[in-house]
Amino acid sequence: MAGMHHSLTGASELDREAASLSIDGHNIRALQLNRRSLKIKLHHVGIAPFVALMDVAFSHRAVAGDLVSIIGRLNGANETLSTKHRAEALDNYYDAFKITKDTYGNDSVLTNADWELFMSMDPTKEELMSLSRRI
């Protein structure tokens, strides 16, 4: 398409396609694309073409959001899968929070928003302890 700009890594195109799929309720496919985008972005944090850490945080949020949507659609039908997805969503929300906190500090509106997303998952004391060991 004329006027369409492509990213050097392809991650932005994956993000756009995943967002469109997510809006249409195709959360599993959106999750696959968001995971792929996150993997690309993590690779390019230290290797050209470089990506901004906040782009990585965006992808962590997108992966977590897809997982939360899938958990909601499962509606308790598969507790094992829901538990696995919940743990992964917590990890991704926490990673987004850490990046935002390290980038903008404790008092940032964005840092607080990421913390609230993480806490919206209502982590248990054990989950919080497990994550705190990753620091």
C-alpha atoms as a PDB file:
ATOM      1  CA  MET A   1       0.000   0.000   0.000  1.00  0.00           C
ATOM      2  CA  ALA A   2       1.186   3.488  -0.801  1.00  0.00           C
ATOM      3  CA  GLY A   3       2.097   5.518   2.249  1.00  0.00           C
ATOM      4  CA  MET A   4       2.191   2.443   4.509  1.00  0.00           C
ATOM      5  CA  HIS A   5       5.344   2.379   6.597  1.00  0.00           C
ATOM      6  CA  HIS A   6       6.805  -0.907   7.710  1.00  0.00           C
ATOM      7  CA  SER A   7       8.844  -1.391  10.842  1.00  0.00           C
ATOM      8  CA  LEU A   8      12.348  -2.771  10.555  1.00  0.00           C
ATOM      9  CA  THR A   9      11.584  -5.623  12.946  1.00  0.00           C
ATOM     10  CA  GLY A  10       8.033  -6.415  11.802  1.00  0.00           C
ATOM     11  CA  ALA A  11       6.802  -6.139  15.404  1.00  0.00           C
ATOM     12  CA  SER A  12       4.561  -3.124  14.757  1.00  0.00           C
ATOM     13  CA  GLU A  13       2.724  -4.985  12.016  1.00  0.00           C
ATOM     14  CA  LEU A  14       2.218  -7.927  14.365  1.00  0.00           C
ATOM     15  CA  ASP A  15       0.903  -5.542  17.045  1.00  0.00           C
ATOM     16  CA  ARG A  16      -1.632  -4.025  14.635  1.00  0.00           C
ATOM     17  CA  GLU A  17      -2.825  -7.410  13.396  1.00  0.00           C
ATOM     18  CA  ALA A  18      -3.090  -8.749  16.953  1.00  0.00           C
ATOM     19  CA  ALA A  19      -5.107  -5.713  18.078  1.00  0.00           C
ATOM     20  CA  SER A  20      -7.524  -6.194  15.186  1.00  0.00           C
ATOM     21  CA  LEU A  21      -7.919  -9.895  15.964  1.00  0.00           C
ATOM     22  CA  SER A  22      -8.429  -9.176  19.655  1.00  0.00           C
ATOM     23  CA  ILE A  23     -11.197  -6.684  18.897  1.00  0.00           C
ATOM     24  CA  ASP A  24     -12.889  -9.376  16.797  1.00  0.00           C
ATOM     25  CA  GLY A  25     -12.645 -11.867  19.677  1.00  0.00           C
ATOM     26  CA  HIS A  26      -9.885 -14.005  18.157  1.00  0.00           C
ATOM     27  CA  ASN A  27      -7.855 -13.927  21.355  1.00  0.00           C
ATOM     28  CA  ILE A  28      -5.849 -17.112  20.819  1.00  0.00           C
ATOM     29  CA  ARG A  29      -4.494 -15.939  17.464  1.00  0.00           C
ATOM     30  CA  ALA A  30      -3.943 -12.439  18.894  1.00  0.00           C
ATOM     31  CA  LEU A  31      -2.005 -14.016  21.767  1.00  0.00           C
ATOM     32  CA  GLN A  32       0.204 -15.908  19.319  1.00  0.00           C
ATOM     33  CA  LEU A  33       1.006 -12.717  17.410  1.00  0.00           C
ATOM     34  CA  ASN A  34       1.588 -10.692  20.576  1.00  0.00           C
ATOM     35  CA  ARG A  35       3.947 -13.361  21.926  1.00  0.00           C
ATOM     36  CA  ARG A  36       5.863 -13.275  18.643  1.00  0.00           C
ATOM     37  CA  SER A  37       6.038  -9.468  18.756  1.00  0.00           C
ATOM     38  CA  LEU A  38       7.283  -9.591  22.357  1.00  0.00           C
ATOM     39  CA  LYS A  39       9.978 -12.092  21.406  1.00  0.00           C
ATOM     40  CA  ILE A  40      11.148  -9.850  18.545  1.00  0.00           C
ATOM     41  CA  LYS A  41      11.165  -6.764  20.769  1.00  0.00           C
ATOM     42  CA  LEU A  42      13.081  -8.518  23.543  1.00  0.00           C
ATOM     43  CA  HIS A  43      15.669  -9.584  20.984  1.00  0.00           C
ATOM     44  CA  HIS A  44      16.032  -6.033  19.685  1.00  0.00           C
ATOM     45  CA  VAL A  45      16.488  -4.349  23.072  1.00  0.00           C
ATOM     46  CA  GLY A  46      20.228  -4.791  22.639  1.00  0.00           C
ATOM     47  CA  ILE A  47      20.580  -5.543  18.927  1.00  0.00           C
ATOM     48  CA  ALA A  48      19.904  -3.202  16.000  1.00  0.00           C
ATOM     49  CA  PRO A  49      17.359  -2.211  14.928  1.00  0.00           C
ATOM     50  CA  PHE A  50      16.776  -1.216  18.535  1.00  0.00           C
ATOM     51  CA  VAL A  51      13.387  -0.996  20.221  1.00  0.00           C
ATOM     52  CA  ALA A  52      12.405   1.150  23.184  1.00  0.00           C
ATOM     53  CA  LEU A  53      11.824  -0.575  26.490  1.00  0.00           C
ATOM     54  CA  MET A  54       8.350   0.949  26.641  1.00  0.00           C
ATOM     55  CA  ASP A  55       7.529  -0.946  23.430  1.00  0.00           C
ATOM     56  CA  VAL A  56       8.507  -4.118  25.282  1.00  0.00           C
ATOM     57  CA  ALA A  57       6.239  -3.101  28.175  1.00  0.00           C
ATOM     58  CA  PHE A  58       3.412  -2.549  25.668  1.00  0.00           C
ATOM     59  CA  SER A  59       3.852  -6.106  24.384  1.00  0.00           C
ATOM     60  CA  HIS A  60       3.898  -7.535  27.914  1.00  0.00           C
ATOM     61  CA  ARG A  61       0.570  -5.759  28.558  1.00  0.00           C
ATOM     62  CA  ALA A  62      -0.885  -7.041  25.283  1.00  0.00           C
ATOM     63  CA  VAL A  63       0.086 -10.656  26.038  1.00  0.00           C
ATOM     64  CA  ALA A  64      -1.365 -10.381  29.545  1.00  0.00           C
ATOM     65  CA  GLY A  65      -4.571  -8.816  28.233  1.00  0.00           C
ATOM     66  CA  ASP A  66      -5.050 -11.618  25.709  1.00  0.00           C
ATOM     67  CA  LEU A  67      -4.513 -14.211  28.438  1.00  0.00           C
ATOM     68  CA  VAL A  68      -7.050 -12.504  30.704  1.00  0.00           C
ATOM     69  CA  SER A  69      -9.576 -12.491  27.832  1.00  0.00           C
ATOM     70  CA  ILE A  70      -8.987 -16.181  27.189  1.00  0.00           C
ATOM     71  CA  ILE A  71      -9.419 -16.962  30.901  1.00  0.00           C
ATOM     72  CA  GLY A  72     -12.722 -15.096  30.830  1.00  0.00           C
ATOM     73  CA  ARG A  73     -13.913 -17.036  27.804  1.00  0.00           C
ATOM     74  CA  LEU A  74     -12.948 -20.346  29.442  1.00  0.00           C
ATOM     75  CA  ASN A  75     -15.328 -19.392  32.271  1.00  0.00           C
ATOM     76  CA  GLY A  76     -13.932 -22.096  34.558  1.00  0.00           C
ATOM     77  CA  ALA A  77     -14.278 -24.866  31.960  1.00  0.00           C
ATOM     78  CA  ASN A  78     -10.575 -25.750  32.109  1.00  0.00           C
ATOM     79  CA  GLU A  79      -9.112 -24.900  35.500  1.00  0.00           C
ATOM     80  CA  THR A  80      -5.626 -26.187  34.636  1.00  0.00           C
ATOM     81  CA  LEU A  81      -5.374 -23.984  31.550  1.00  0.00           C
ATOM     82  CA  SER A  82      -6.883 -21.021  33.388  1.00  0.00           C
ATOM     83  CA  THR A  83      -4.298 -21.381  36.167  1.00  0.00           C
ATOM     84  CA  LYS A  84      -1.447 -21.583  33.651  1.00  0.00           C
ATOM     85  CA  HIS A  85      -2.716 -18.530  31.744  1.00  0.00           C
ATOM     86  CA  ARG A  86      -3.229 -16.610  34.991  1.00  0.00           C
ATOM     87  CA  ALA A  87       0.370 -17.215  36.052  1.00  0.00           C
ATOM     88  CA  GLU A  88       1.637 -16.077  32.655  1.00  0.00           C
ATOM     89  CA  ALA A  89      -0.598 -12.992  32.727  1.00  0.00           C
ATOM     90  CA  LEU A  90       0.710 -12.088  36.192  1.00  0.00           C
ATOM     91  CA  ASP A  91       4.296 -12.461  34.950  1.00  0.00           C
ATOM     92  CA  ASN A  92       3.642 -10.235  31.952  1.00  0.00           C
ATOM     93  CA  TYR A  93       1.808  -7.544  33.914  1.00  0.00           C
ATOM     94  CA  TYR A  94       4.636  -7.570  36.451  1.00  0.00           C
ATOM     95  CA  ASP A  95       7.284  -7.299  33.723  1.00  0.00           C
ATOM     96  CA  ALA A  96       5.428  -4.328  32.191  1.00  0.00           C
ATOM     97  CA  PHE A  97       5.263  -2.712  35.639  1.00  0.00           C
ATOM     98  CA  LYS A  98       8.994  -3.217  36.254  1.00  0.00           C
ATOM     99  CA  ILE A  99       9.946  -1.692  32.896  1.00  0.00           C
ATOM    100  CA  THR A 100       7.665   1.298  33.423  1.00  0.00           C
ATOM    101  CA  LYS A 101       8.894   1.794  36.999  1.00  0.00           C
ATOM    102  CA  ASP A 102      12.535   1.600  35.898  1.00  0.00           C
ATOM    103  CA  THR A 103      11.855   4.021  33.040  1.00  0.00           C
ATOM    104  CA  TYR A 104       9.596   6.614  34.689  1.00  0.00           C
ATOM    105  CA  GLY A 105       9.996   6.054  38.437  1.00  0.00           C
ATOM    106  CA  ASN A 106       7.608   5.242  41.265  1.00  0.00           C
ATOM    107  CA  ASP A 107       5.459   8.354  40.994  1.00  0.00           C
ATOM    108  CA  SER A 108       4.565   8.090  37.310  1.00  0.00           C
ATOM    109  CA  VAL A 109       0.936   7.773  36.274  1.00  0.00           C
ATOM    110  CA  LEU A 110       2.022   5.006  33.889  1.00  0.00           C
ATOM    111  CA  THR A 111       3.827   3.132  36.668  1.00  0.00           C
ATOM    112  CA  ASN A 112       0.720   3.340  38.845  1.00  0.00           C
ATOM    113  CA  ALA A 113      -1.489   2.163  35.974  1.00  0.00           C
ATOM    114  CA  ASP A 114       0.744  -0.850  35.372  1.00  0.00           C
ATOM    115  CA  TRP A 115       0.724  -1.661  39.089  1.00  0.00           C
ATOM    116  CA  GLU A 116      -3.084  -1.495  39.103  1.00  0.00           C
ATOM    117  CA  LEU A 117      -3.261  -3.841  36.103  1.00  0.00           C
ATOM    118  CA  PHE A 118      -1.013  -6.280  37.942  1.00  0.00           C
ATOM    119  CA  MET A 119      -3.017  -6.005  41.159  1.00  0.00           C
ATOM    120  CA  SER A 120      -6.292  -6.442  39.248  1.00  0.00           C
ATOM    121  CA  MET A 121      -5.230 -10.081  38.903  1.00  0.00           C
ATOM    122  CA  ASP A 122      -5.504 -10.303  42.714  1.00  0.00           C
ATOM    123  CA  PRO A 123      -2.163 -12.070  43.212  1.00  0.00           C
ATOM    124  CA  THR A 124      -1.828 -14.370  46.192  1.00  0.00           C
ATOM    125  CA  LYS A 125       0.850 -13.874  48.822  1.00  0.00           C
ATOM    126  CA  GLU A 126       2.760 -16.831  47.341  1.00  0.00           C
ATOM    127  CA  GLU A 127       2.619 -15.343  43.835  1.00  0.00           C
ATOM    128  CA  LEU A 128       3.881 -12.003  45.129  1.00  0.00           C
ATOM    129  CA  MET A 129       6.742 -13.735  46.945  1.00  0.00           C
ATOM    130  CA  SER A 130       7.644 -15.694  43.824  1.00  0.00           C
ATOM    131  CA  LEU A 131       7.765 -12.539  41.718  1.00  0.00           C
ATOM    132  CA  SER A 132       9.767 -10.647  44.323  1.00  0.00           C
ATOM    133  CA  ARG A 133      12.488 -13.309  44.069  1.00  0.00           C
ATOM    134  CA  ARG A 134      12.890 -12.475  40.363  1.00  0.00           C
ATOM    135  CA  ILE A 135      14.121  -8.964  41.157  1.00  0.00           C
END
